[in-house]
Amino acid sequence: MRKKARIIYNPTSGREQFKKVLPDVLIKLEQAGFETSAHATTAVGDATVAARAALQENFDLIIAAGGDGTLNEVINGVAEQDHIPDIGIIPMGTVNDFGRALVIPKDIMEAVDVIIEGDTVPVDIGKMNNRYFINIAGGGKITEVSYEAPSKLKTMIGPLAYYVKGLEMLPEIKSSDVRIEYDGEVFTGEVMLFLIGLTNSVGGFEKLAPEASINDGYFTVLFLERVNLAEFGHIFTLATRGEHLKHPKVHYVKAKDVKVSSFEKVQLNVDGEFGGILPAHFINLKRHVNIFSPLERFEKENNIQKKNEIDGQYQQEIMDSSLEDQ
C-alpha cells in the first residue's frame, strides 16, 4: 500500500527556492511510492492548522519545508495526538538549527532522499506552558533578534540579517531580574538572557551547548548573569569558539523541568518566534517524535556510543533512586 505524504511548506523561506522545485519534489516522492500532496502556508499558525488536518486525513508522514518556525508550527499541530506520524524536514530557513542538529542536507533533493531512505531518530521536544518547541526557548532582549529581523532582509542576505539586527539592538540590551528553578535548584538574580535548549545548534552557534543531546530527556539550560556591554561582547566572542562556559557569569546545567518567572515584563522566544511573556514552565518530553535523518551520519557526528553510555547512567540513577525509595 502506498504511503500518504503531506508537504507543508513556507513559500517565502530560503529565498523562495522551494516552490520553484516543488513539482520535481512531488515527482521524486511519487516515484518512491508516496502519494503526495502539498500545502503552502499563508499566515502565522497556518502550518499548525495544516498539520492537524493532515492527521485527520490519516497521512502517514508530514514533511515540513521551511525554517525552524515552520517546523515548530507543525510540531504544535501533532504533539498532543495519540498517534504522531513520522516527520520529514526540508531545511529552507535562514539558519536551520534543528536540521543542522539532525545532519539533514541543505540541498532540497538530498533532503528528500533522506525521507525516502526511511531512517528516523526519536527526538525530545519541549513543552512551554501550553505550546511546544523543537530546538530552543529563551528570554532576554538579545533573544528578540530572531523574530525582529525583517523577513525581507533574511531573504536577501540570509543569516547575516541576524547580526545586522543584533548590532542595531546592542544599545538596548539590559538585564532582567528573574527566578530560575531547575530540577530542585534555584537561581535568583539579574540575567542578560536565558536559554532552554534541546540541540547543540542555537542561532548557528554549534558550540553554544556542547553537551546537548537530542534525545536524552534533558534540556541544556544556559543563562548569563548581568554584565556590561564590553563583557557581553567578550563572552559573545568566547561563544563562537565554544569557550564561553569558562566565564564565571555563564551558568550551564542540564535539567528536565525548568520554571522561570519575573516581576518584570520579559519576552519569550520559542524556536525563533515570539513566545509570549514570563512566567513559563518548561518540560522535556523525551523521544516524543520520530524525525527522518541520515542515520549513519547522525550516529557518527553525535557519538551515539557516548550517548548510550550516558543513557545507561541515567537508567542506573533511576534504579538506585527506586531502591532508596523502597
C-alpha atoms as a PDB file:
ATOM      1  CA  MET A   1       0.000   0.000   0.000  1.00  0.00           C
ATOM      2  CA  ARG A   2       1.305   3.446  -0.965  1.00  0.00           C
ATOM      3  CA  LYS A   3       2.001   5.780   1.942  1.00  0.00           C
ATOM      4  CA  LYS A   4       0.373   9.203   2.026  1.00  0.00           C
ATOM      5  CA  ALA A   5       2.736  12.155   2.471  1.00  0.00           C
ATOM      6  CA  ARG A   6       1.714  15.769   3.105  1.00  0.00           C
ATOM      7  CA  ILE A   7       4.199  18.570   2.437  1.00  0.00           C
ATOM      8  CA  ILE A   8       3.622  21.725   4.460  1.00  0.00           C
ATOM      9  CA  TYR A   9       5.863  24.471   3.150  1.00  0.00           C
ATOM     10  CA  ASN A  10       6.565  28.142   3.708  1.00  0.00           C
ATOM     11  CA  PRO A  11       6.707  29.701   0.222  1.00  0.00           C
ATOM     12  CA  THR A  12       8.840  32.650   1.437  1.00  0.00           C
ATOM     13  CA  SER A  13      11.582  30.621   3.190  1.00  0.00           C
ATOM     14  CA  GLY A  14      15.029  30.074   1.725  1.00  0.00           C
ATOM     15  CA  ARG A  15      14.817  32.905  -0.774  1.00  0.00           C
ATOM     16  CA  GLU A  16      11.631  31.321  -2.128  1.00  0.00           C
ATOM     17  CA  GLN A  17      13.503  28.410  -3.695  1.00  0.00           C
ATOM     18  CA  PHE A  18      11.275  25.534  -2.582  1.00  0.00           C
ATOM     19  CA  LYS A  19       8.172  26.462  -4.558  1.00  0.00           C
ATOM     20  CA  LYS A  20      10.305  26.590  -7.711  1.00  0.00           C
ATOM     21  CA  VAL A  21      11.309  22.933  -7.356  1.00  0.00           C
ATOM     22  CA  LEU A  22       8.073  21.651  -5.778  1.00  0.00           C
ATOM     23  CA  PRO A  23       6.984  19.820  -8.974  1.00  0.00           C
ATOM     24  CA  ASP A  24      10.305  17.927  -9.002  1.00  0.00           C
ATOM     25  CA  VAL A  25       9.939  17.062  -5.306  1.00  0.00           C
ATOM     26  CA  LEU A  26       6.421  15.724  -5.878  1.00  0.00           C
ATOM     27  CA  ILE A  27       7.594  13.606  -8.814  1.00  0.00           C
ATOM     28  CA  LYS A  28      10.515  12.201  -6.803  1.00  0.00           C
ATOM     29  CA  LEU A  29       8.290  11.229  -3.881  1.00  0.00           C
ATOM     30  CA  GLU A  30       5.659   9.724  -6.183  1.00  0.00           C
ATOM     31  CA  GLN A  31       8.320   7.616  -7.909  1.00  0.00           C
ATOM     32  CA  ALA A  32       9.471   6.416  -4.472  1.00  0.00           C
ATOM     33  CA  GLY A  33       5.963   5.157  -3.697  1.00  0.00           C
ATOM     34  CA  PHE A  34       4.442   8.076  -1.805  1.00  0.00           C
ATOM     35  CA  GLU A  35       1.031   9.519  -2.615  1.00  0.00           C
ATOM     36  CA  THR A  36       1.990  13.135  -2.060  1.00  0.00           C
ATOM     37  CA  SER A  37       0.211  16.478  -1.799  1.00  0.00           C
ATOM     38  CA  ALA A  38       1.323  19.935  -0.687  1.00  0.00           C
ATOM     39  CA  HIS A  39       0.049  22.882   1.324  1.00  0.00           C
ATOM     40  CA  ALA A  40       1.573  26.380   1.139  1.00  0.00           C
ATOM     41  CA  THR A  41       1.294  28.346   4.369  1.00  0.00           C
ATOM     42  CA  THR A  42      -0.305  31.773   4.164  1.00  0.00           C
ATOM     43  CA  ALA A  43      -0.070  33.185   7.693  1.00  0.00           C
ATOM     44  CA  VAL A  44       1.414  32.639  11.159  1.00  0.00           C
ATOM     45  CA  GLY A  45      -0.077  29.474  12.670  1.00  0.00           C
ATOM     46  CA  ASP A  46      -1.215  28.073   9.339  1.00  0.00           C
ATOM     47  CA  ALA A  47       1.251  25.161   9.455  1.00  0.00           C
ATOM     48  CA  THR A  48      -0.237  24.061  12.795  1.00  0.00           C
ATOM     49  CA  VAL A  49      -3.726  24.004  11.316  1.00  0.00           C
ATOM     50  CA  ALA A  50      -2.465  22.153   8.230  1.00  0.00           C
ATOM     51  CA  ALA A  51      -0.665  19.536  10.368  1.00  0.00           C
ATOM     52  CA  ARG A  52      -3.816  18.843  12.379  1.00  0.00           C
ATOM     53  CA  ALA A  53      -5.797  18.495   9.149  1.00  0.00           C
ATOM     54  CA  ALA A  54      -3.205  16.027   7.833  1.00  0.00           C
ATOM     55  CA  LEU A  55      -3.716  13.887  10.936  1.00  0.00           C
ATOM     56  CA  GLN A  56      -7.470  13.877  10.449  1.00  0.00           C
ATOM     57  CA  GLU A  57      -6.940  12.741   6.861  1.00  0.00           C
ATOM     58  CA  ASN A  58      -4.669   9.887   8.052  1.00  0.00           C
ATOM     59  CA  PHE A  59      -1.449  10.948   6.348  1.00  0.00           C
ATOM     60  CA  ASP A  60       1.432   8.582   7.150  1.00  0.00           C
ATOM     61  CA  LEU A  61       4.064  11.290   7.252  1.00  0.00           C
ATOM     62  CA  ILE A  62       4.268  15.057   7.272  1.00  0.00           C
ATOM     63  CA  ILE A  63       7.109  16.949   5.616  1.00  0.00           C
ATOM     64  CA  ALA A  64       7.934  20.440   6.899  1.00  0.00           C
ATOM     65  CA  ALA A  65       9.702  22.556   4.273  1.00  0.00           C
ATOM     66  CA  GLY A  66      10.806  25.856   5.742  1.00  0.00           C
ATOM     67  CA  GLY A  67      12.736  27.207   8.684  1.00  0.00           C
ATOM     68  CA  ASP A  68      12.630  26.300  12.349  1.00  0.00           C
ATOM     69  CA  GLY A  69       9.443  28.352  12.705  1.00  0.00           C
ATOM     70  CA  THR A  70       7.585  26.202  10.174  1.00  0.00           C
ATOM     71  CA  LEU A  71       8.780  23.019  11.877  1.00  0.00           C
ATOM     72  CA  ASN A  72       7.724  24.457  15.244  1.00  0.00           C
ATOM     73  CA  GLU A  73       4.197  25.026  13.958  1.00  0.00           C
ATOM     74  CA  VAL A  74       3.975  21.504  12.528  1.00  0.00           C
ATOM     75  CA  ILE A  75       5.118  20.032  15.850  1.00  0.00           C
ATOM     76  CA  ASN A  76       2.486  22.103  17.663  1.00  0.00           C
ATOM     77  CA  GLY A  77      -0.109  20.597  15.355  1.00  0.00           C
ATOM     78  CA  VAL A  78       0.779  16.978  16.175  1.00  0.00           C
ATOM     79  CA  ALA A  79       2.408  16.936  19.636  1.00  0.00           C
ATOM     80  CA  GLU A  80      -0.751  16.206  21.635  1.00  0.00           C
ATOM     81  CA  GLN A  81      -2.109  13.479  19.368  1.00  0.00           C
ATOM     82  CA  ASP A  82      -2.208   9.806  20.358  1.00  0.00           C
ATOM     83  CA  HIS A  83      -0.584   8.810  17.068  1.00  0.00           C
ATOM     84  CA  ILE A  84       2.120  11.115  15.722  1.00  0.00           C
ATOM     85  CA  PRO A  85       3.212  10.447  12.135  1.00  0.00           C
ATOM     86  CA  ASP A  86       6.885  10.486  11.200  1.00  0.00           C
ATOM     87  CA  ILE A  87       8.134  13.981  10.380  1.00  0.00           C
ATOM     88  CA  GLY A  88      10.382  14.868   7.464  1.00  0.00           C
ATOM     89  CA  ILE A  89      12.377  18.091   7.207  1.00  0.00           C
ATOM     90  CA  ILE A  90      13.479  20.033   4.155  1.00  0.00           C
ATOM     91  CA  PRO A  91      15.548  22.869   5.688  1.00  0.00           C
ATOM     92  CA  MET A  92      14.718  26.138   3.922  1.00  0.00           C
ATOM     93  CA  GLY A  93      15.157  28.710   6.690  1.00  0.00           C
ATOM     94  CA  THR A  94      17.826  31.285   7.383  1.00  0.00           C
ATOM     95  CA  VAL A  95      19.751  29.217   9.946  1.00  0.00           C
ATOM     96  CA  ASN A  96      18.016  25.796  10.214  1.00  0.00           C
ATOM     97  CA  ASP A  97      19.293  24.934  13.690  1.00  0.00           C
ATOM     98  CA  PHE A  98      17.259  21.762  14.014  1.00  0.00           C
ATOM     99  CA  GLY A  99      18.124  20.499  10.551  1.00  0.00           C
ATOM    100  CA  ARG A 100      21.819  21.021  11.354  1.00  0.00           C
ATOM    101  CA  ALA A 101      21.432  19.065  14.590  1.00  0.00           C
ATOM    102  CA  LEU A 102      19.941  16.125  12.683  1.00  0.00           C
ATOM    103  CA  VAL A 103      22.591  16.377   9.937  1.00  0.00           C
ATOM    104  CA  ILE A 104      19.929  16.904   7.266  1.00  0.00           C
ATOM    105  CA  PRO A 105      21.386  18.170   3.965  1.00  0.00           C
ATOM    106  CA  LYS A 106      20.572  21.737   2.939  1.00  0.00           C
ATOM    107  CA  ASP A 107      20.201  20.627  -0.665  1.00  0.00           C
ATOM    108  CA  ILE A 108      16.478  20.111  -1.293  1.00  0.00           C
ATOM    109  CA  MET A 109      16.706  16.894  -3.284  1.00  0.00           C
ATOM    110  CA  GLU A 110      19.240  15.371  -0.893  1.00  0.00           C
ATOM    111  CA  ALA A 111      16.870  16.155   1.987  1.00  0.00           C
ATOM    112  CA  VAL A 112      14.094  14.384   0.075  1.00  0.00           C
ATOM    113  CA  ASP A 113      16.410  11.372  -0.327  1.00  0.00           C
ATOM    114  CA  VAL A 114      16.758  11.205   3.475  1.00  0.00           C
ATOM    115  CA  ILE A 115      12.970  10.889   3.769  1.00  0.00           C
ATOM    116  CA  ILE A 116      12.805   8.253   1.023  1.00  0.00           C
ATOM    117  CA  GLU A 117      15.533   6.183   2.720  1.00  0.00           C
ATOM    118  CA  GLY A 118      13.186   5.923   5.697  1.00  0.00           C
ATOM    119  CA  ASP A 119      15.523   6.097   8.724  1.00  0.00           C
ATOM    120  CA  THR A 120      14.189   8.047  11.691  1.00  0.00           C
ATOM    121  CA  VAL A 121      15.582   9.298  15.001  1.00  0.00           C
ATOM    122  CA  PRO A 122      13.408   9.672  18.121  1.00  0.00           C
ATOM    123  CA  VAL A 123      13.833  13.226  19.424  1.00  0.00           C
ATOM    124  CA  ASP A 124      12.864  15.153  22.531  1.00  0.00           C
ATOM    125  CA  ILE A 125      10.539  18.110  22.288  1.00  0.00           C
ATOM    126  CA  GLY A 126       9.912  20.809  24.846  1.00  0.00           C
ATOM    127  CA  LYS A 127       6.611  21.967  26.258  1.00  0.00           C
ATOM    128  CA  MET A 128       6.480  25.594  27.386  1.00  0.00           C
ATOM    129  CA  ASN A 129       3.228  26.353  29.184  1.00  0.00           C
ATOM    130  CA  ASN A 130       0.677  25.291  26.536  1.00  0.00           C
ATOM    131  CA  ARG A 131       2.876  25.289  23.442  1.00  0.00           C
ATOM    132  CA  TYR A 132       5.682  23.114  22.143  1.00  0.00           C
ATOM    133  CA  PHE A 133       9.168  23.729  20.780  1.00  0.00           C
ATOM    134  CA  ILE A 134      11.707  21.604  18.972  1.00  0.00           C
ATOM    135  CA  ASN A 135      15.007  23.451  19.336  1.00  0.00           C
ATOM    136  CA  ILE A 136      15.282  26.406  21.714  1.00  0.00           C
ATOM    137  CA  ALA A 137      13.273  28.630  24.017  1.00  0.00           C
ATOM    138  CA  GLY A 138      14.588  31.569  25.934  1.00  0.00           C
ATOM    139  CA  GLY A 139      14.198  35.127  27.105  1.00  0.00           C
ATOM    140  CA  GLY A 140      16.077  38.396  27.369  1.00  0.00           C
ATOM    141  CA  LYS A 141      16.398  41.331  24.998  1.00  0.00           C
ATOM    142  CA  ILE A 142      19.051  39.738  22.766  1.00  0.00           C
ATOM    143  CA  THR A 143      16.809  36.715  22.081  1.00  0.00           C
ATOM    144  CA  GLU A 144      14.359  39.041  20.328  1.00  0.00           C
ATOM    145  CA  VAL A 145      16.774  39.384  17.391  1.00  0.00           C
ATOM    146  CA  SER A 146      15.471  36.294  15.565  1.00  0.00           C
ATOM    147  CA  TYR A 147      11.876  37.458  15.278  1.00  0.00           C
ATOM    148  CA  GLU A 148      12.617  41.174  14.924  1.00  0.00           C
ATOM    149  CA  ALA A 149      14.885  40.702  11.894  1.00  0.00           C
ATOM    150  CA  PRO A 150      12.644  41.527   8.900  1.00  0.00           C
ATOM    151  CA  SER A 151      11.737  38.581   6.674  1.00  0.00           C
ATOM    152  CA  LYS A 152      12.714  40.516   3.531  1.00  0.00           C
ATOM    153  CA  LEU A 153      16.163  41.176   4.970  1.00  0.00           C
ATOM    154  CA  LYS A 154      16.550  37.476   5.845  1.00  0.00           C
ATOM    155  CA  THR A 155      15.537  36.564   2.292  1.00  0.00           C
ATOM    156  CA  MET A 156      18.107  38.969   0.838  1.00  0.00           C
ATOM    157  CA  ILE A 157      21.163  38.318   2.998  1.00  0.00           C
ATOM    158  CA  GLY A 158      20.399  35.130   4.951  1.00  0.00           C
ATOM    159  CA  PRO A 159      21.970  34.609   8.420  1.00  0.00           C
ATOM    160  CA  LEU A 160      23.746  37.978   8.177  1.00  0.00           C
ATOM    161  CA  ALA A 161      20.336  39.561   8.859  1.00  0.00           C
ATOM    162  CA  TYR A 162      20.521  38.416  12.487  1.00  0.00           C
ATOM    163  CA  TYR A 163      23.916  40.027  13.004  1.00  0.00           C
ATOM    164  CA  VAL A 164      22.735  43.269  11.399  1.00  0.00           C
ATOM    165  CA  LYS A 165      19.707  43.359  13.695  1.00  0.00           C
ATOM    166  CA  GLY A 166      21.816  42.300  16.690  1.00  0.00           C
ATOM    167  CA  LEU A 167      24.222  45.223  16.205  1.00  0.00           C
ATOM    168  CA  GLU A 168      21.244  47.557  15.931  1.00  0.00           C
ATOM    169  CA  MET A 169      19.850  46.264  19.232  1.00  0.00           C
ATOM    170  CA  LEU A 170      23.105  46.295  21.242  1.00  0.00           C
ATOM    171  CA  PRO A 171      22.448  49.693  22.907  1.00  0.00           C
ATOM    172  CA  GLU A 172      19.067  48.365  24.131  1.00  0.00           C
ATOM    173  CA  ILE A 173      20.417  45.225  25.792  1.00  0.00           C
ATOM    174  CA  LYS A 174      19.718  45.211  29.504  1.00  0.00           C
ATOM    175  CA  SER A 175      19.373  42.641  32.245  1.00  0.00           C
ATOM    176  CA  SER A 176      16.170  41.263  33.766  1.00  0.00           C
ATOM    177  CA  ASP A 177      15.591  40.202  37.355  1.00  0.00           C
ATOM    178  CA  VAL A 178      14.414  36.574  37.236  1.00  0.00           C
ATOM    179  CA  ARG A 179      13.932  33.424  39.275  1.00  0.00           C
ATOM    180  CA  ILE A 180      15.023  30.178  37.592  1.00  0.00           C
ATOM    181  CA  GLU A 181      14.104  26.820  39.133  1.00  0.00           C
ATOM    182  CA  TYR A 182      15.610  23.700  37.592  1.00  0.00           C
ATOM    183  CA  ASP A 183      15.290  20.157  38.952  1.00  0.00           C
ATOM    184  CA  GLY A 184      15.230  21.291  42.582  1.00  0.00           C
ATOM    185  CA  GLU A 185      17.868  24.055  42.256  1.00  0.00           C
ATOM    186  CA  VAL A 186      17.082  27.786  42.324  1.00  0.00           C
ATOM    187  CA  PHE A 187      18.836  30.865  40.914  1.00  0.00           C
ATOM    188  CA  THR A 188      17.601  34.400  41.582  1.00  0.00           C
ATOM    189  CA  GLY A 189      19.210  37.483  40.155  1.00  0.00           C
ATOM    190  CA  GLU A 190      19.699  39.640  37.081  1.00  0.00           C
ATOM    191  CA  VAL A 191      20.428  37.915  33.781  1.00  0.00           C
ATOM    192  CA  MET A 192      21.101  39.170  30.277  1.00  0.00           C
ATOM    193  CA  LEU A 193      19.438  36.115  28.761  1.00  0.00           C
ATOM    194  CA  PHE A 194      18.440  32.544  29.468  1.00  0.00           C
ATOM    195  CA  LEU A 195      18.197  29.649  27.007  1.00  0.00           C
ATOM    196  CA  ILE A 196      16.403  26.308  27.317  1.00  0.00           C
ATOM    197  CA  GLY A 197      17.873  24.112  24.577  1.00  0.00           C
ATOM    198  CA  LEU A 198      17.204  20.727  23.011  1.00  0.00           C
ATOM    199  CA  THR A 199      20.039  20.652  20.455  1.00  0.00           C
ATOM    200  CA  ASN A 200      23.626  21.854  20.196  1.00  0.00           C
ATOM    201  CA  SER A 201      22.840  24.415  17.489  1.00  0.00           C
ATOM    202  CA  VAL A 202      21.450  27.797  18.528  1.00  0.00           C
ATOM    203  CA  GLY A 203      21.326  30.634  16.020  1.00  0.00           C
ATOM    204  CA  GLY A 204      24.007  28.872  14.008  1.00  0.00           C
ATOM    205  CA  PHE A 205      26.356  28.549  17.006  1.00  0.00           C
ATOM    206  CA  GLU A 206      27.049  24.836  17.228  1.00  0.00           C
ATOM    207  CA  LYS A 207      29.330  25.180  20.268  1.00  0.00           C
ATOM    208  CA  LEU A 208      26.900  27.069  22.487  1.00  0.00           C
ATOM    209  CA  ALA A 209      25.582  23.930  24.204  1.00  0.00           C
ATOM    210  CA  PRO A 210      28.341  21.315  23.758  1.00  0.00           C
ATOM    211  CA  GLU A 211      26.762  18.646  25.968  1.00  0.00           C
ATOM    212  CA  ALA A 212      23.325  18.814  24.340  1.00  0.00           C
ATOM    213  CA  SER A 213      21.726  15.548  23.289  1.00  0.00           C
ATOM    214  CA  ILE A 214      18.739  15.428  21.007  1.00  0.00           C
ATOM    215  CA  ASN A 215      17.034  12.563  22.840  1.00  0.00           C
ATOM    216  CA  ASP A 216      18.353  12.099  26.388  1.00  0.00           C
ATOM    217  CA  GLY A 217      15.307  13.641  28.086  1.00  0.00           C
ATOM    218  CA  TYR A 218      17.250  16.678  29.343  1.00  0.00           C
ATOM    219  CA  PHE A 219      17.298  20.347  28.403  1.00  0.00           C
ATOM    220  CA  THR A 220      20.565  22.244  28.328  1.00  0.00           C
ATOM    221  CA  VAL A 221      19.939  25.350  30.416  1.00  0.00           C
ATOM    222  CA  LEU A 222      22.235  28.314  29.862  1.00  0.00           C
ATOM    223  CA  PHE A 223      21.918  31.739  31.440  1.00  0.00           C
ATOM    224  CA  LEU A 224      24.191  34.749  31.580  1.00  0.00           C
ATOM    225  CA  GLU A 225      24.299  36.942  34.663  1.00  0.00           C
ATOM    226  CA  ARG A 226      24.313  40.713  34.357  1.00  0.00           C
ATOM    227  CA  VAL A 227      27.449  42.038  32.630  1.00  0.00           C
ATOM    228  CA  ASN A 228      28.411  45.342  30.994  1.00  0.00           C
ATOM    229  CA  LEU A 229      28.446  45.777  27.225  1.00  0.00           C
ATOM    230  CA  ALA A 230      32.195  45.144  26.937  1.00  0.00           C
ATOM    231  CA  GLU A 231      31.928  41.890  28.918  1.00  0.00           C
ATOM    232  CA  PHE A 232      28.950  40.873  26.812  1.00  0.00           C
ATOM    233  CA  GLY A 233      30.984  41.345  23.637  1.00  0.00           C
ATOM    234  CA  HIS A 234      33.843  39.313  25.121  1.00  0.00           C
ATOM    235  CA  ILE A 235      31.515  36.446  26.086  1.00  0.00           C
ATOM    236  CA  PHE A 236      29.953  36.543  22.621  1.00  0.00           C
ATOM    237  CA  THR A 237      33.434  36.121  21.128  1.00  0.00           C
ATOM    238  CA  LEU A 238      34.153  33.233  23.503  1.00  0.00           C
ATOM    239  CA  ALA A 239      30.877  31.590  22.413  1.00  0.00           C
ATOM    240  CA  THR A 240      31.990  31.495  18.789  1.00  0.00           C
ATOM    241  CA  ARG A 241      34.898  29.308  19.932  1.00  0.00           C
ATOM    242  CA  GLY A 242      32.943  27.258  22.460  1.00  0.00           C
ATOM    243  CA  GLU A 243      34.920  28.741  25.366  1.00  0.00           C
ATOM    244  CA  HIS A 244      32.115  30.762  26.995  1.00  0.00           C
ATOM    245  CA  LEU A 245      31.365  28.122  29.657  1.00  0.00           C
ATOM    246  CA  LYS A 246      34.628  29.027  31.404  1.00  0.00           C
ATOM    247  CA  HIS A 247      33.338  32.520  32.165  1.00  0.00           C
ATOM    248  CA  PRO A 248      32.167  32.934  35.795  1.00  0.00           C
ATOM    249  CA  LYS A 249      28.972  34.766  34.754  1.00  0.00           C
ATOM    250  CA  VAL A 250      27.842  31.927  32.453  1.00  0.00           C
ATOM    251  CA  HIS A 251      25.755  29.163  34.062  1.00  0.00           C
ATOM    252  CA  TYR A 252      25.263  25.867  32.219  1.00  0.00           C
ATOM    253  CA  VAL A 253      23.277  22.900  33.587  1.00  0.00           C
ATOM    254  CA  LYS A 254      21.128  20.010  32.369  1.00  0.00           C
ATOM    255  CA  ALA A 255      17.566  19.667  33.629  1.00  0.00           C
ATOM    256  CA  LYS A 256      14.242  18.021  32.775  1.00  0.00           C
ATOM    257  CA  ASP A 257      11.929  20.593  34.361  1.00  0.00           C
ATOM    258  CA  VAL A 258      12.530  24.362  34.414  1.00  0.00           C
ATOM    259  CA  LYS A 259      10.425  27.253  35.727  1.00  0.00           C
ATOM    260  CA  VAL A 260      11.285  30.884  35.028  1.00  0.00           C
ATOM    261  CA  SER A 261       9.468  33.879  36.482  1.00  0.00           C
ATOM    262  CA  SER A 262       9.988  37.609  36.882  1.00  0.00           C
ATOM    263  CA  PHE A 263       8.252  40.688  38.255  1.00  0.00           C
ATOM    264  CA  GLU A 264       9.362  42.448  35.071  1.00  0.00           C
ATOM    265  CA  LYS A 265       7.903  42.087  31.583  1.00  0.00           C
ATOM    266  CA  VAL A 266      10.270  39.623  29.891  1.00  0.00           C
ATOM    267  CA  GLN A 267       9.513  38.423  26.380  1.00  0.00           C
ATOM    268  CA  LEU A 268       9.979  34.795  25.396  1.00  0.00           C
ATOM    269  CA  ASN A 269      11.472  33.441  22.180  1.00  0.00           C
ATOM    270  CA  VAL A 270      10.367  29.981  21.023  1.00  0.00           C
ATOM    271  CA  ASP A 271      12.179  28.443  18.040  1.00  0.00           C
ATOM    272  CA  GLY A 272      12.961  31.907  16.707  1.00  0.00           C
ATOM    273  CA  GLU A 273       9.471  33.355  17.119  1.00  0.00           C
ATOM    274  CA  PHE A 274       7.761  35.495  19.755  1.00  0.00           C
ATOM    275  CA  GLY A 275       6.564  33.167  22.526  1.00  0.00           C
ATOM    276  CA  GLY A 276       4.691  35.420  24.945  1.00  0.00           C
ATOM    277  CA  ILE A 277       5.693  36.791  28.348  1.00  0.00           C
ATOM    278  CA  LEU A 278       7.077  35.213  31.543  1.00  0.00           C
ATOM    279  CA  PRO A 279       6.277  33.238  33.677  1.00  0.00           C
ATOM    280  CA  ALA A 280       6.992  29.979  31.862  1.00  0.00           C
ATOM    281  CA  HIS A 281       7.197  26.310  32.772  1.00  0.00           C
ATOM    282  CA  PHE A 282       9.372  24.116  30.548  1.00  0.00           C
ATOM    283  CA  ILE A 283       9.004  20.312  30.491  1.00  0.00           C
ATOM    284  CA  ASN A 284      11.124  17.926  28.406  1.00  0.00           C
ATOM    285  CA  LEU A 285       9.082  15.250  26.587  1.00  0.00           C
ATOM    286  CA  LYS A 286      11.618  12.520  25.961  1.00  0.00           C
ATOM    287  CA  ARG A 287      11.736  10.922  22.470  1.00  0.00           C
ATOM    288  CA  HIS A 288       8.265  12.223  21.681  1.00  0.00           C
ATOM    289  CA  VAL A 289       8.579  12.492  17.887  1.00  0.00           C
ATOM    290  CA  ASN A 290      10.341  10.452  15.176  1.00  0.00           C
ATOM    291  CA  ILE A 291      12.085  12.558  12.531  1.00  0.00           C
ATOM    292  CA  PHE A 292      13.790  11.383   9.350  1.00  0.00           C
ATOM    293  CA  SER A 293      17.574  11.665   9.475  1.00  0.00           C
ATOM    294  CA  PRO A 294      20.577  10.164   7.638  1.00  0.00           C
ATOM    295  CA  LEU A 295      21.108   7.662  10.443  1.00  0.00           C
ATOM    296  CA  GLU A 296      24.721   6.688   9.732  1.00  0.00           C
ATOM    297  CA  ARG A 297      25.905  10.302   9.559  1.00  0.00           C
ATOM    298  CA  PHE A 298      23.812  11.238  12.590  1.00  0.00           C
ATOM    299  CA  GLU A 299      25.294   8.447  14.713  1.00  0.00           C
ATOM    300  CA  LYS A 300      28.828   9.267  13.605  1.00  0.00           C
ATOM    301  CA  GLU A 301      28.584  13.002  14.257  1.00  0.00           C
ATOM    302  CA  ASN A 302      26.717  12.665  17.554  1.00  0.00           C
ATOM    303  CA  ASN A 303      28.869   9.905  19.063  1.00  0.00           C
ATOM    304  CA  ILE A 304      25.949   7.580  19.762  1.00  0.00           C
ATOM    305  CA  GLN A 305      28.138   5.236  21.798  1.00  0.00           C
ATOM    306  CA  LYS A 306      28.792   8.025  24.286  1.00  0.00           C
ATOM    307  CA  LYS A 307      25.098   8.891  24.415  1.00  0.00           C
ATOM    308  CA  ASN A 308      24.183   5.275  25.094  1.00  0.00           C
ATOM    309  CA  GLU A 309      26.621   5.282  27.997  1.00  0.00           C
ATOM    310  CA  ILE A 310      25.011   8.458  29.339  1.00  0.00           C
ATOM    311  CA  ASP A 311      21.519   6.944  28.948  1.00  0.00           C
ATOM    312  CA  GLY A 312      22.756   3.911  30.861  1.00  0.00           C
ATOM    313  CA  GLN A 313      23.962   6.157  33.651  1.00  0.00           C
ATOM    314  CA  TYR A 314      20.556   7.837  33.852  1.00  0.00           C
ATOM    315  CA  GLN A 315      18.846   4.440  33.968  1.00  0.00           C
ATOM    316  CA  GLN A 316      21.159   3.378  36.786  1.00  0.00           C
ATOM    317  CA  GLU A 317      20.340   6.579  38.677  1.00  0.00           C
ATOM    318  CA  ILE A 318      16.635   5.797  38.324  1.00  0.00           C
ATOM    319  CA  MET A 319      17.146   2.248  39.585  1.00  0.00           C
ATOM    320  CA  ASP A 320      19.244   3.472  42.513  1.00  0.00           C
ATOM    321  CA  SER A 321      16.573   6.039  43.376  1.00  0.00           C
ATOM    322  CA  SER A 322      13.865   3.364  43.279  1.00  0.00           C
ATOM    323  CA  LEU A 323      15.870   1.132  45.641  1.00  0.00           C
ATOM    324  CA  GLU A 324      16.306   4.045  48.032  1.00  0.00           C
ATOM    325  CA  ASP A 325      12.548   4.711  47.970  1.00  0.00           C
ATOM    326  CA  GLN A 326      11.889   1.072  48.865  1.00  0.00           C
END
